[in-house]
PDB file of N, CA and C in Angstrom:
ATOM      1  N   MET A   1       0.826  24.121  10.293  1.00  0.00           N
ATOM      2  CA  MET A   1      -0.397  25.305   9.242  1.00  0.00           C
ATOM      3  C   MET A   1      -2.058  24.350   9.246  1.00  0.00           C
ATOM      4  N   PRO A   2      -3.036  25.214   9.090  1.00  0.00           N
ATOM      5  CA  PRO A   2      -4.050  24.786   9.006  1.00  0.00           C
ATOM      6  C   PRO A   2      -4.119  24.053   7.320  1.00  0.00           C
ATOM      7  N   LYS A   3      -5.137  22.560   7.160  1.00  0.00           N
ATOM      8  CA  LYS A   3      -5.667  22.488   5.845  1.00  0.00           C
ATOM      9  C   LYS A   3      -7.060  22.854   5.461  1.00  0.00           C
ATOM     10  N   ILE A   4      -6.563  23.433   4.356  1.00  0.00           N
ATOM     11  CA  ILE A   4      -7.358  23.567   3.183  1.00  0.00           C
ATOM     12  C   ILE A   4      -8.140  23.325   2.067  1.00  0.00           C
ATOM     13  N   ILE A   5      -9.230  22.958   2.856  1.00  0.00           N
ATOM     14  CA  ILE A   5     -10.131  22.301   1.346  1.00  0.00           C
ATOM     15  C   ILE A   5     -10.879  22.343   0.848  1.00  0.00           C
ATOM     16  N   ALA A   6     -11.063  23.042  -0.629  1.00  0.00           N
ATOM     17  CA  ALA A   6     -11.439  23.409  -1.774  1.00  0.00           C
ATOM     18  C   ALA A   6     -12.819  22.605  -2.277  1.00  0.00           C
ATOM     19  N   GLU A   7     -13.951  23.014  -1.984  1.00  0.00           N
ATOM     20  CA  GLU A   7     -14.742  21.484  -3.544  1.00  0.00           C
ATOM     21  C   GLU A   7     -14.965  23.139  -4.478  1.00  0.00           C
ATOM     22  N   THR A   8     -14.400  22.745  -5.996  1.00  0.00           N
ATOM     23  CA  THR A   8     -14.403  23.725  -7.347  1.00  0.00           C
ATOM     24  C   THR A   8     -14.978  22.826  -7.615  1.00  0.00           C
ATOM     25  N   ALA A   9     -15.469  23.845  -9.209  1.00  0.00           N
ATOM     26  CA  ALA A   9     -16.546  23.515 -10.205  1.00  0.00           C
ATOM     27  C   ALA A   9     -15.326  22.330 -11.445  1.00  0.00           C
ATOM     28  N   ALA A  10     -13.851  22.572 -11.015  1.00  0.00           N
ATOM     29  CA  ALA A  10     -13.366  21.108 -11.472  1.00  0.00           C
ATOM     30  C   ALA A  10     -12.653  20.468 -10.378  1.00  0.00           C
ATOM     31  N   GLY A  11     -13.443  20.846  -9.090  1.00  0.00           N
ATOM     32  CA  GLY A  11     -13.118  19.240  -8.550  1.00  0.00           C
ATOM     33  C   GLY A  11     -11.954  20.028  -6.450  1.00  0.00           C
ATOM     34  N   GLN A  12     -11.420  19.017  -6.261  1.00  0.00           N
ATOM     35  CA  GLN A  12     -11.666  19.471  -4.892  1.00  0.00           C
ATOM     36  C   GLN A  12      -9.431  19.662  -4.943  1.00  0.00           C
ATOM     37  N   VAL A  13      -9.588  20.993  -4.049  1.00  0.00           N
ATOM     38  CA  VAL A  13      -8.512  21.287  -3.884  1.00  0.00           C
ATOM     39  C   VAL A  13      -7.918  21.685  -2.751  1.00  0.00           C
ATOM     40  N   ALA A  14      -6.895  20.739  -1.851  1.00  0.00           N
ATOM     41  CA  ALA A  14      -6.921  20.923  -1.065  1.00  0.00           C
ATOM     42  C   ALA A  14      -5.172  21.450  -0.431  1.00  0.00           C
ATOM     43  N   PHE A  15      -5.069  22.009   0.395  1.00  0.00           N
ATOM     44  CA  PHE A  15      -3.311  22.863   0.245  1.00  0.00           C
ATOM     45  C   PHE A  15      -3.088  22.973   2.136  1.00  0.00           C
ATOM     46  N   GLU A  16      -2.260  23.322   2.342  1.00  0.00           N
ATOM     47  CA  GLU A  16      -1.724  23.810   3.764  1.00  0.00           C
ATOM     48  C   GLU A  16      -1.531  25.789   3.757  1.00  0.00           C
ATOM     49  N   ALA A  17      -2.208  26.013   4.652  1.00  0.00           N
ATOM     50  CA  ALA A  17      -1.935  27.950   4.626  1.00  0.00           C
ATOM     51  C   ALA A  17      -1.362  28.348   5.485  1.00  0.00           C
ATOM     52  N   GLU A  18      -0.970  28.984   5.695  1.00  0.00           N
ATOM     53  CA  GLU A  18      -0.826  30.021   6.455  1.00  0.00           C
ATOM     54  C   GLU A  18      -1.281  30.139   7.240  1.00  0.00           C
ATOM     55  N   SER A  19      -1.200  30.790   8.569  1.00  0.00           N
ATOM     56  CA  SER A  19      -1.817  31.195   9.350  1.00  0.00           C
ATOM     57  C   SER A  19      -2.237  32.586   9.131  1.00  0.00           C
ATOM     58  N   GLY A  20      -3.599  33.101   9.862  1.00  0.00           N
ATOM     59  CA  GLY A  20      -3.818  34.592   9.817  1.00  0.00           C
ATOM     60  C   GLY A  20      -3.519  35.094   8.640  1.00  0.00           C
ATOM     61  N   ARG A  21      -3.450  34.263   7.113  1.00  0.00           N
ATOM     62  CA  ARG A  21      -3.844  35.010   6.011  1.00  0.00           C
ATOM     63  C   ARG A  21      -5.012  34.992   5.434  1.00  0.00           C
ATOM     64  N   LYS A  22      -5.141  36.286   4.834  1.00  0.00           N
ATOM     65  CA  LYS A  22      -7.183  35.604   3.838  1.00  0.00           C
ATOM     66  C   LYS A  22      -6.662  35.042   2.968  1.00  0.00           C
ATOM     67  N   LEU A  23      -7.693  33.974   3.652  1.00  0.00           N
ATOM     68  CA  LEU A  23      -8.397  33.153   2.477  1.00  0.00           C
ATOM     69  C   LEU A  23      -8.631  33.064   1.009  1.00  0.00           C
ATOM     70  N   VAL A  24      -9.295  34.050   0.616  1.00  0.00           N
ATOM     71  CA  VAL A  24      -9.503  34.753  -1.046  1.00  0.00           C
ATOM     72  C   VAL A  24      -7.909  34.272  -1.402  1.00  0.00           C
ATOM     73  N   LEU A  25      -6.846  34.790  -0.722  1.00  0.00           N
ATOM     74  CA  LEU A  25      -5.697  34.750  -1.707  1.00  0.00           C
ATOM     75  C   LEU A  25      -4.758  33.277  -0.796  1.00  0.00           C
ATOM     76  N   ALA A  26      -5.508  32.376   0.139  1.00  0.00           N
ATOM     77  CA  ALA A  26      -4.645  31.120   0.067  1.00  0.00           C
ATOM     78  C   ALA A  26      -4.999  31.162  -1.321  1.00  0.00           C
ATOM     79  N   LEU A  27      -6.529  30.722  -1.355  1.00  0.00           N
ATOM     80  CA  LEU A  27      -7.484  30.079  -2.904  1.00  0.00           C
ATOM     81  C   LEU A  27      -6.567  30.410  -3.680  1.00  0.00           C
ATOM     82  N   GLU A  28      -7.064  31.183  -4.401  1.00  0.00           N
ATOM     83  CA  GLU A  28      -6.092  32.249  -5.559  1.00  0.00           C
ATOM     84  C   GLU A  28      -4.619  31.366  -5.582  1.00  0.00           C
ATOM     85  N   ASP A  29      -3.530  31.652  -4.406  1.00  0.00           N
ATOM     86  CA  ASP A  29      -2.367  31.207  -4.388  1.00  0.00           C
ATOM     87  C   ASP A  29      -1.954  29.773  -4.671  1.00  0.00           C
ATOM     88  N   ASN A  30      -3.029  29.159  -5.210  1.00  0.00           N
ATOM     89  CA  ASN A  30      -3.440  28.038  -4.986  1.00  0.00           C
ATOM     90  C   ASN A  30      -4.118  27.456  -5.453  1.00  0.00           C
ATOM     91  N   GLY A  31      -4.370  27.642  -7.360  1.00  0.00           N
ATOM     92  CA  GLY A  31      -4.755  27.397  -8.052  1.00  0.00           C
ATOM     93  C   GLY A  31      -6.127  27.331  -8.468  1.00  0.00           C
ATOM     94  N   VAL A  32      -6.619  28.035  -7.312  1.00  0.00           N
ATOM     95  CA  VAL A  32      -8.598  28.468  -7.633  1.00  0.00           C
ATOM     96  C   VAL A  32      -8.728  29.404  -7.899  1.00  0.00           C
ATOM     97  N   ASP A  33      -9.496  29.910  -9.164  1.00  0.00           N
ATOM     98  CA  ASP A  33      -9.641  30.963  -9.794  1.00  0.00           C
ATOM     99  C   ASP A  33     -11.051  31.647  -9.215  1.00  0.00           C
ATOM    100  N   ILE A  34     -10.776  32.221  -8.034  1.00  0.00           N
ATOM    101  CA  ILE A  34     -12.248  33.052  -7.215  1.00  0.00           C
ATOM    102  C   ILE A  34     -12.224  34.280  -7.766  1.00  0.00           C
ATOM    103  N   LEU A  35     -13.848  34.435  -8.015  1.00  0.00           N
ATOM    104  CA  LEU A  35     -13.365  35.927  -7.843  1.00  0.00           C
ATOM    105  C   LEU A  35     -13.476  36.451  -6.981  1.00  0.00           C
ATOM    106  N   HIS A  36     -12.971  38.099  -6.663  1.00  0.00           N
ATOM    107  CA  HIS A  36     -12.680  38.799  -6.263  1.00  0.00           C
ATOM    108  C   HIS A  36     -12.802  40.562  -6.783  1.00  0.00           C
ATOM    109  N   ARG A  37     -14.623  41.214  -7.205  1.00  0.00           N
ATOM    110  CA  ARG A  37     -14.527  41.794  -8.428  1.00  0.00           C
ATOM    111  C   ARG A  37     -14.000  42.919  -7.600  1.00  0.00           C
ATOM    112  N   CYS A  38     -14.751  42.931  -5.825  1.00  0.00           N
ATOM    113  CA  CYS A  38     -13.820  44.111  -5.475  1.00  0.00           C
ATOM    114  C   CYS A  38     -12.624  44.777  -4.802  1.00  0.00           C
ATOM    115  N   GLY A  39     -12.328  43.952  -4.956  1.00  0.00           N
ATOM    116  CA  GLY A  39     -10.928  43.428  -4.721  1.00  0.00           C
ATOM    117  C   GLY A  39     -11.017  43.339  -2.862  1.00  0.00           C
ATOM    118  N   GLY A  40     -11.691  42.459  -2.397  1.00  0.00           N
ATOM    119  CA  GLY A  40     -11.315  42.320  -0.782  1.00  0.00           C
ATOM    120  C   GLY A  40     -11.653  43.143  -0.366  1.00  0.00           C
ATOM    121  N   ASN A  41     -12.328  44.198  -0.205  1.00  0.00           N
ATOM    122  CA  ASN A  41     -12.852  44.615   1.072  1.00  0.00           C
ATOM    123  C   ASN A  41     -14.526  44.755   0.921  1.00  0.00           C
ATOM    124  N   ALA A  42     -15.245  43.549   0.532  1.00  0.00           N
ATOM    125  CA  ALA A  42     -16.902  43.098   1.929  1.00  0.00           C
ATOM    126  C   ALA A  42     -17.460  43.951   1.247  1.00  0.00           C
ATOM    127  N   ARG A  43     -17.746  44.368  -0.093  1.00  0.00           N
ATOM    128  CA  ARG A  43     -18.862  44.799  -0.874  1.00  0.00           C
ATOM    129  C   ARG A  43     -19.619  44.097  -2.192  1.00  0.00           C
ATOM    130  N   CYS A  44     -19.378  43.047  -2.680  1.00  0.00           N
ATOM    131  CA  CYS A  44     -19.840  42.712  -3.690  1.00  0.00           C
ATOM    132  C   CYS A  44     -19.624  41.192  -3.773  1.00  0.00           C
ATOM    133  N   THR A  45     -19.711  40.212  -2.090  1.00  0.00           N
ATOM    134  CA  THR A  45     -19.690  38.354  -2.342  1.00  0.00           C
ATOM    135  C   THR A  45     -19.968  37.931  -3.559  1.00  0.00           C
ATOM    136  N   THR A  46     -18.349  38.705  -4.487  1.00  0.00           N
ATOM    137  CA  THR A  46     -18.230  37.603  -5.505  1.00  0.00           C
ATOM    138  C   THR A  46     -17.531  36.469  -5.303  1.00  0.00           C
ATOM    139  N   CYS A  47     -16.824  36.350  -4.185  1.00  0.00           N
ATOM    140  CA  CYS A  47     -15.446  35.998  -3.192  1.00  0.00           C
ATOM    141  C   CYS A  47     -16.413  34.576  -2.519  1.00  0.00           C
ATOM    142  N   ARG A  48     -17.885  34.891  -2.303  1.00  0.00           N
ATOM    143  CA  ARG A  48     -18.322  33.976  -1.520  1.00  0.00           C
ATOM    144  C   ARG A  48     -17.916  32.483  -1.619  1.00  0.00           C
ATOM    145  N   VAL A  49     -17.553  32.026  -0.211  1.00  0.00           N
ATOM    146  CA  VAL A  49     -17.789  30.473   0.276  1.00  0.00           C
ATOM    147  C   VAL A  49     -19.072  30.215   1.210  1.00  0.00           C
ATOM    148  N   GLU A  50     -19.121  28.860   0.620  1.00  0.00           N
ATOM    149  CA  GLU A  50     -20.263  27.436   2.164  1.00  0.00           C
ATOM    150  C   GLU A  50     -19.191  26.738   2.866  1.00  0.00           C
ATOM    151  N   VAL A  51     -18.914  27.608   4.157  1.00  0.00           N
ATOM    152  CA  VAL A  51     -18.664  26.611   5.111  1.00  0.00           C
ATOM    153  C   VAL A  51     -18.953  24.912   5.545  1.00  0.00           C
ATOM    154  N   LEU A  52     -18.239  24.422   4.827  1.00  0.00           N
ATOM    155  CA  LEU A  52     -18.595  22.842   5.299  1.00  0.00           C
ATOM    156  C   LEU A  52     -18.388  22.495   6.515  1.00  0.00           C
ATOM    157  N   SER A  53     -16.770  22.679   6.796  1.00  0.00           N
ATOM    158  CA  SER A  53     -16.847  22.514   8.752  1.00  0.00           C
ATOM    159  C   SER A  53     -15.121  23.084   8.958  1.00  0.00           C
ATOM    160  N   GLY A  54     -15.333  23.211   9.775  1.00  0.00           N
ATOM    161  CA  GLY A  54     -13.724  24.075  10.550  1.00  0.00           C
ATOM    162  C   GLY A  54     -14.396  25.973  10.599  1.00  0.00           C
ATOM    163  N   ASP A  55     -13.292  26.352  11.638  1.00  0.00           N
ATOM    164  CA  ASP A  55     -14.231  27.189  12.121  1.00  0.00           C
ATOM    165  C   ASP A  55     -13.549  29.091  11.707  1.00  0.00           C
ATOM    166  N   PRO A  56     -14.280  29.048  10.290  1.00  0.00           N
ATOM    167  CA  PRO A  56     -13.930  30.202   9.973  1.00  0.00           C
ATOM    168  C   PRO A  56     -13.453  31.952  10.217  1.00  0.00           C
ATOM    169  N   GLY A  57     -13.812  31.671  12.013  1.00  0.00           N
ATOM    170  CA  GLY A  57     -13.657  33.012  12.450  1.00  0.00           C
ATOM    171  C   GLY A  57     -14.559  33.656  12.662  1.00  0.00           C
ATOM    172  N   GLU A  58     -14.460  35.176  13.596  1.00  0.00           N
ATOM    173  CA  GLU A  58     -15.914  36.097  13.444  1.00  0.00           C
ATOM    174  C   GLU A  58     -16.195  36.658  12.262  1.00  0.00           C
ATOM    175  N   ILE A  59     -17.603  36.946  12.153  1.00  0.00           N
ATOM    176  CA  ILE A  59     -18.254  37.895  11.383  1.00  0.00           C
ATOM    177  C   ILE A  59     -18.153  39.295  11.592  1.00  0.00           C
ATOM    178  N   LEU A  60     -17.272  40.123  11.102  1.00  0.00           N
ATOM    179  CA  LEU A  60     -17.034  41.357  11.527  1.00  0.00           C
ATOM    180  C   LEU A  60     -18.037  42.204  10.832  1.00  0.00           C
ATOM    181  N   GLU A  61     -18.512  43.723  11.193  1.00  0.00           N
ATOM    182  CA  GLU A  61     -19.584  44.453  11.132  1.00  0.00           C
ATOM    183  C   GLU A  61     -19.333  44.976   9.913  1.00  0.00           C
ATOM    184  N   ALA A  62     -18.376  44.540   8.633  1.00  0.00           N
ATOM    185  CA  ALA A  62     -18.265  45.571   6.974  1.00  0.00           C
ATOM    186  C   ALA A  62     -19.262  43.853   6.640  1.00  0.00           C
ATOM    187  N   GLU A  63     -18.726  43.112   7.197  1.00  0.00           N
ATOM    188  CA  GLU A  63     -18.836  41.112   6.197  1.00  0.00           C
ATOM    189  C   GLU A  63     -20.561  40.852   6.423  1.00  0.00           C
ATOM    190  N   ALA A  64     -20.992  41.252   7.757  1.00  0.00           N
ATOM    191  CA  ALA A  64     -21.886  40.874   8.209  1.00  0.00           C
ATOM    192  C   ALA A  64     -23.340  41.652   7.563  1.00  0.00           C
ATOM    193  N   ALA A  65     -22.425  42.935   7.599  1.00  0.00           N
ATOM    194  CA  ALA A  65     -23.630  43.979   6.538  1.00  0.00           C
ATOM    195  C   ALA A  65     -24.585  43.633   4.970  1.00  0.00           C
ATOM    196  N   ILE A  66     -22.815  43.282   5.003  1.00  0.00           N
ATOM    197  CA  ILE A  66     -23.082  43.092   2.996  1.00  0.00           C
ATOM    198  C   ILE A  66     -24.124  42.022   3.044  1.00  0.00           C
ATOM    199  N   LEU A  67     -23.636  41.060   3.973  1.00  0.00           N
ATOM    200  CA  LEU A  67     -24.079  39.501   3.484  1.00  0.00           C
ATOM    201  C   LEU A  67     -25.982  39.406   4.372  1.00  0.00           C
ATOM    202  N   ALA A  68     -26.152  40.879   4.894  1.00  0.00           N
ATOM    203  CA  ALA A  68     -27.370  40.599   5.239  1.00  0.00           C
ATOM    204  C   ALA A  68     -28.108  41.226   3.956  1.00  0.00           C
ATOM    205  N   ALA A  69     -27.747  41.292   3.754  1.00  0.00           N
ATOM    206  CA  ALA A  69     -28.593  41.917   2.064  1.00  0.00           C
ATOM    207  C   ALA A  69     -28.514  41.087   1.455  1.00  0.00           C
ATOM    208  N   LYS A  70     -27.784  40.498   1.498  1.00  0.00           N
ATOM    209  CA  LYS A  70     -28.356  39.118   0.076  1.00  0.00           C
ATOM    210  C   LYS A  70     -29.311  38.722   0.684  1.00  0.00           C
ATOM    211  N   SER A  71     -30.449  38.134  -0.235  1.00  0.00           N
ATOM    212  CA  SER A  71     -31.551  36.931  -0.269  1.00  0.00           C
ATOM    213  C   SER A  71     -30.956  35.324  -0.558  1.00  0.00           C
ATOM    214  N   ASP A  72     -30.133  35.473  -0.192  1.00  0.00           N
ATOM    215  CA  ASP A  72     -30.103  34.019  -1.546  1.00  0.00           C
ATOM    216  C   ASP A  72     -29.039  32.869  -0.874  1.00  0.00           C
ATOM    217  N   LEU A  73     -28.866  33.957   0.299  1.00  0.00           N
ATOM    218  CA  LEU A  73     -27.539  32.938   1.589  1.00  0.00           C
ATOM    219  C   LEU A  73     -27.764  31.643   2.011  1.00  0.00           C
ATOM    220  N   ASN A  74     -27.260  31.048   2.263  1.00  0.00           N
ATOM    221  CA  ASN A  74     -26.789  30.694   4.109  1.00  0.00           C
ATOM    222  C   ASN A  74     -26.739  30.860   4.924  1.00  0.00           C
ATOM    223  N   ASP A  75     -26.816  30.157   5.813  1.00  0.00           N
ATOM    224  CA  ASP A  75     -26.144  30.398   7.405  1.00  0.00           C
ATOM    225  C   ASP A  75     -24.452  30.224   6.828  1.00  0.00           C
ATOM    226  N   HIS A  76     -23.918  28.969   5.845  1.00  0.00           N
ATOM    227  CA  HIS A  76     -22.679  28.628   6.347  1.00  0.00           C
ATOM    228  C   HIS A  76     -22.033  29.866   5.300  1.00  0.00           C
ATOM    229  N   THR A  77     -22.879  30.408   4.968  1.00  0.00           N
ATOM    230  CA  THR A  77     -21.906  31.746   3.378  1.00  0.00           C
ATOM    231  C   THR A  77     -20.753  32.587   4.505  1.00  0.00           C
ATOM    232  N   ARG A  78     -20.285  32.768   3.505  1.00  0.00           N
ATOM    233  CA  ARG A  78     -18.869  33.738   4.583  1.00  0.00           C
ATOM    234  C   ARG A  78     -18.185  34.828   3.314  1.00  0.00           C
ATOM    235  N   LEU A  79     -18.057  35.695   3.270  1.00  0.00           N
ATOM    236  CA  LEU A  79     -16.796  35.754   2.472  1.00  0.00           C
ATOM    237  C   LEU A  79     -14.973  35.869   2.992  1.00  0.00           C
ATOM    238  N   SER A  80     -14.790  34.784   1.241  1.00  0.00           N
ATOM    239  CA  SER A  80     -13.267  34.809   1.554  1.00  0.00           C
ATOM    240  C   SER A  80     -12.231  35.544   2.015  1.00  0.00           C
ATOM    241  N   CYS A  81     -13.040  37.088   2.068  1.00  0.00           N
ATOM    242  CA  CYS A  81     -11.897  37.830   2.023  1.00  0.00           C
ATOM    243  C   CYS A  81     -11.484  38.276   3.260  1.00  0.00           C
ATOM    244  N   GLN A  82     -12.546  37.846   4.175  1.00  0.00           N
ATOM    245  CA  GLN A  82     -12.540  38.574   5.517  1.00  0.00           C
ATOM    246  C   GLN A  82     -12.372  37.725   6.042  1.00  0.00           C
ATOM    247  N   ILE A  83     -12.067  35.845   6.330  1.00  0.00           N
ATOM    248  CA  ILE A  83     -12.237  35.492   5.989  1.00  0.00           C
ATOM    249  C   ILE A  83     -10.375  35.031   6.498  1.00  0.00           C
ATOM    250  N   HIS A  84      -9.601  34.934   7.934  1.00  0.00           N
ATOM    251  CA  HIS A  84      -7.859  35.200   7.664  1.00  0.00           C
ATOM    252  C   HIS A  84      -8.298  33.822   8.700  1.00  0.00           C
ATOM    253  N   ILE A  85      -6.774  32.794   7.796  1.00  0.00           N
ATOM    254  CA  ILE A  85      -6.851  31.950   9.082  1.00  0.00           C
ATOM    255  C   ILE A  85      -6.795  31.497   9.496  1.00  0.00           C
ATOM    256  N   ALA A  86      -6.703  30.470  10.896  1.00  0.00           N
ATOM    257  CA  ALA A  86      -6.690  30.350  12.256  1.00  0.00           C
ATOM    258  C   ALA A  86      -7.011  28.079  12.499  1.00  0.00           C
ATOM    259  N   ASP A  87      -7.639  27.808  11.265  1.00  0.00           N
ATOM    260  CA  ASP A  87      -8.224  27.188  11.688  1.00  0.00           C
ATOM    261  C   ASP A  87      -8.348  26.009   9.781  1.00  0.00           C
ATOM    262  N   ASP A  88      -8.404  24.502  10.822  1.00  0.00           N
ATOM    263  CA  ASP A  88      -8.779  23.692   9.174  1.00  0.00           C
ATOM    264  C   ASP A  88      -9.856  24.417   8.773  1.00  0.00           C
ATOM    265  N   LEU A  89     -10.249  24.105   7.126  1.00  0.00           N
ATOM    266  CA  LEU A  89     -11.168  24.966   6.791  1.00  0.00           C
ATOM    267  C   LEU A  89     -11.472  23.908   5.043  1.00  0.00           C
ATOM    268  N   HIS A  90     -12.620  23.403   5.606  1.00  0.00           N
ATOM    269  CA  HIS A  90     -13.225  22.697   3.713  1.00  0.00           C
ATOM    270  C   HIS A  90     -14.658  23.627   3.472  1.00  0.00           C
ATOM    271  N   VAL A  91     -14.725  24.294   2.775  1.00  0.00           N
ATOM    272  CA  VAL A  91     -15.427  24.958   2.028  1.00  0.00           C
ATOM    273  C   VAL A  91     -15.476  24.936   0.643  1.00  0.00           C
ATOM    274  N   LYS A  92     -16.766  25.191  -0.071  1.00  0.00           N
ATOM    275  CA  LYS A  92     -17.100  25.340  -1.567  1.00  0.00           C
ATOM    276  C   LYS A  92     -16.690  26.503  -1.875  1.00  0.00           C
ATOM    277  N   VAL A  93     -15.889  26.275  -2.766  1.00  0.00           N
ATOM    278  CA  VAL A  93     -16.154  27.960  -4.279  1.00  0.00           C
ATOM    279  C   VAL A  93     -17.638  28.646  -4.881  1.00  0.00           C
ATOM    280  N   ILE A  94     -18.000  29.384  -4.502  1.00  0.00           N
ATOM    281  CA  ILE A  94     -19.427  29.270  -4.901  1.00  0.00           C
ATOM    282  C   ILE A  94     -19.505  30.642  -6.249  1.00  0.00           C
ATOM    283  N   ASN A  95     -18.002  31.086  -6.777  1.00  0.00           N
ATOM    284  CA  ASN A  95     -17.617  31.997  -7.404  1.00  0.00           C
ATOM    285  C   ASN A  95     -16.266  31.244  -8.348  1.00  0.00           C
ATOM    286  N   GLN A  96     -15.999  31.211  -9.673  1.00  0.00           N
ATOM    287  CA  GLN A  96     -14.995  30.946 -10.119  1.00  0.00           C
ATOM    288  C   GLN A  96     -14.664  31.644 -11.349  1.00  0.00           C
ATOM    289  N   ALA A  97     -13.455  32.429 -12.074  1.00  0.00           N
ATOM    290  CA  ALA A  97     -13.848  33.434 -13.292  1.00  0.00           C
ATOM    291  C   ALA A  97     -14.035  32.274 -14.428  1.00  0.00           C
ATOM    292  N   SER A  98     -13.020  31.000 -13.961  1.00  0.00           N
ATOM    293  CA  SER A  98     -13.157  30.239 -15.445  1.00  0.00           C
ATOM    294  C   SER A  98     -15.024  29.871 -15.353  1.00  0.00           C
ATOM    295  N   VAL A  99     -15.639  29.604 -14.555  1.00  0.00           N
ATOM    296  CA  VAL A  99     -17.287  28.891 -14.516  1.00  0.00           C
ATOM    297  C   VAL A  99     -17.939  30.374 -15.103  1.00  0.00           C
ATOM    298  N   ALA A 100     -18.004  31.565 -14.538  1.00  0.00           N
ATOM    299  CA  ALA A 100     -19.006  32.562 -14.641  1.00  0.00           C
ATOM    300  C   ALA A 100     -17.668  33.424 -16.058  1.00  0.00           C
ATOM    301  N   GLY A 101     -16.965  32.854 -16.522  1.00  0.00           N
ATOM    302  CA  GLY A 101     -16.026  34.255 -17.860  1.00  0.00           C
ATOM    303  C   GLY A 101     -16.065  34.809 -17.718  1.00  0.00           C
ATOM    304  N   ILE A 102     -15.734  35.599 -16.549  1.00  0.00           N
ATOM    305  CA  ILE A 102     -14.783  37.262 -16.661  1.00  0.00           C
ATOM    306  C   ILE A 102     -13.688  37.225 -15.581  1.00  0.00           C
ATOM    307  N   ASP A 103     -13.030  38.143 -16.001  1.00  0.00           N
ATOM    308  CA  ASP A 103     -11.593  37.994 -15.310  1.00  0.00           C
ATOM    309  C   ASP A 103     -12.411  38.400 -13.530  1.00  0.00           C
ATOM    310  N   ALA A 104     -11.370  37.726 -12.448  1.00  0.00           N
ATOM    311  CA  ALA A 104     -11.704  37.315 -11.323  1.00  0.00           C
ATOM    312  C   ALA A 104     -12.254  38.890 -10.572  1.00  0.00           C
ATOM    313  N   GLY A 105     -11.011  39.589 -10.881  1.00  0.00           N
ATOM    314  CA  GLY A 105     -10.885  41.102 -10.386  1.00  0.00           C
ATOM    315  C   GLY A 105      -9.838  41.530  -9.767  1.00  0.00           C
ATOM    316  N   THR A 106      -9.663  42.578  -9.248  1.00  0.00           N
ATOM    317  CA  THR A 106      -8.830  43.114  -8.753  1.00  0.00           C
ATOM    318  C   THR A 106      -8.094  42.406  -7.354  1.00  0.00           C
ATOM    319  N   ARG A 107      -6.413  41.989  -7.231  1.00  0.00           N
ATOM    320  CA  ARG A 107      -6.411  41.225  -6.183  1.00  0.00           C
ATOM    321  C   ARG A 107      -6.066  40.876  -4.725  1.00  0.00           C
ATOM    322  N   PRO A 108      -7.069  41.359  -4.382  1.00  0.00           N
ATOM    323  CA  PRO A 108      -7.240  41.440  -2.100  1.00  0.00           C
ATOM    324  C   PRO A 108      -5.586  41.688  -1.810  1.00  0.00           C
ATOM    325  N   GLU A 109      -5.876  42.990  -1.423  1.00  0.00           N
ATOM    326  CA  GLU A 109      -4.319  43.135  -0.259  1.00  0.00           C
ATOM    327  C   GLU A 109      -3.773  41.966   0.488  1.00  0.00           C
ATOM    328  N   GLU A 110      -2.487  42.163   0.591  1.00  0.00           N
ATOM    329  CA  GLU A 110      -2.534  40.492   1.205  1.00  0.00           C
ATOM    330  C   GLU A 110      -3.394  41.064   3.422  1.00  0.00           C
TER     331      GLU A 110
END
């Protein structure tokens, strides 16, 4: 099983995740209060992460389109709702409900 390391506002969280699972769900199920305001539909970018190491997989059309519309992102920014875990990953979680002071949003589908 791939190992995920997440840098969060509260420190580092490490866990193993099932291959093929959406990263946003694996993070949430392991105690990371990541935002996902659009419910995992690649529309809002609140679930974005910075990939520090590992292979997050290919960027598909919906994700590429929304990321291209934003000017404040770097080349390592991805949407965790669009990453299906296949490799060990080390990510920095950009937006957390506890930091933003808002509800995380509708839970994305599996």
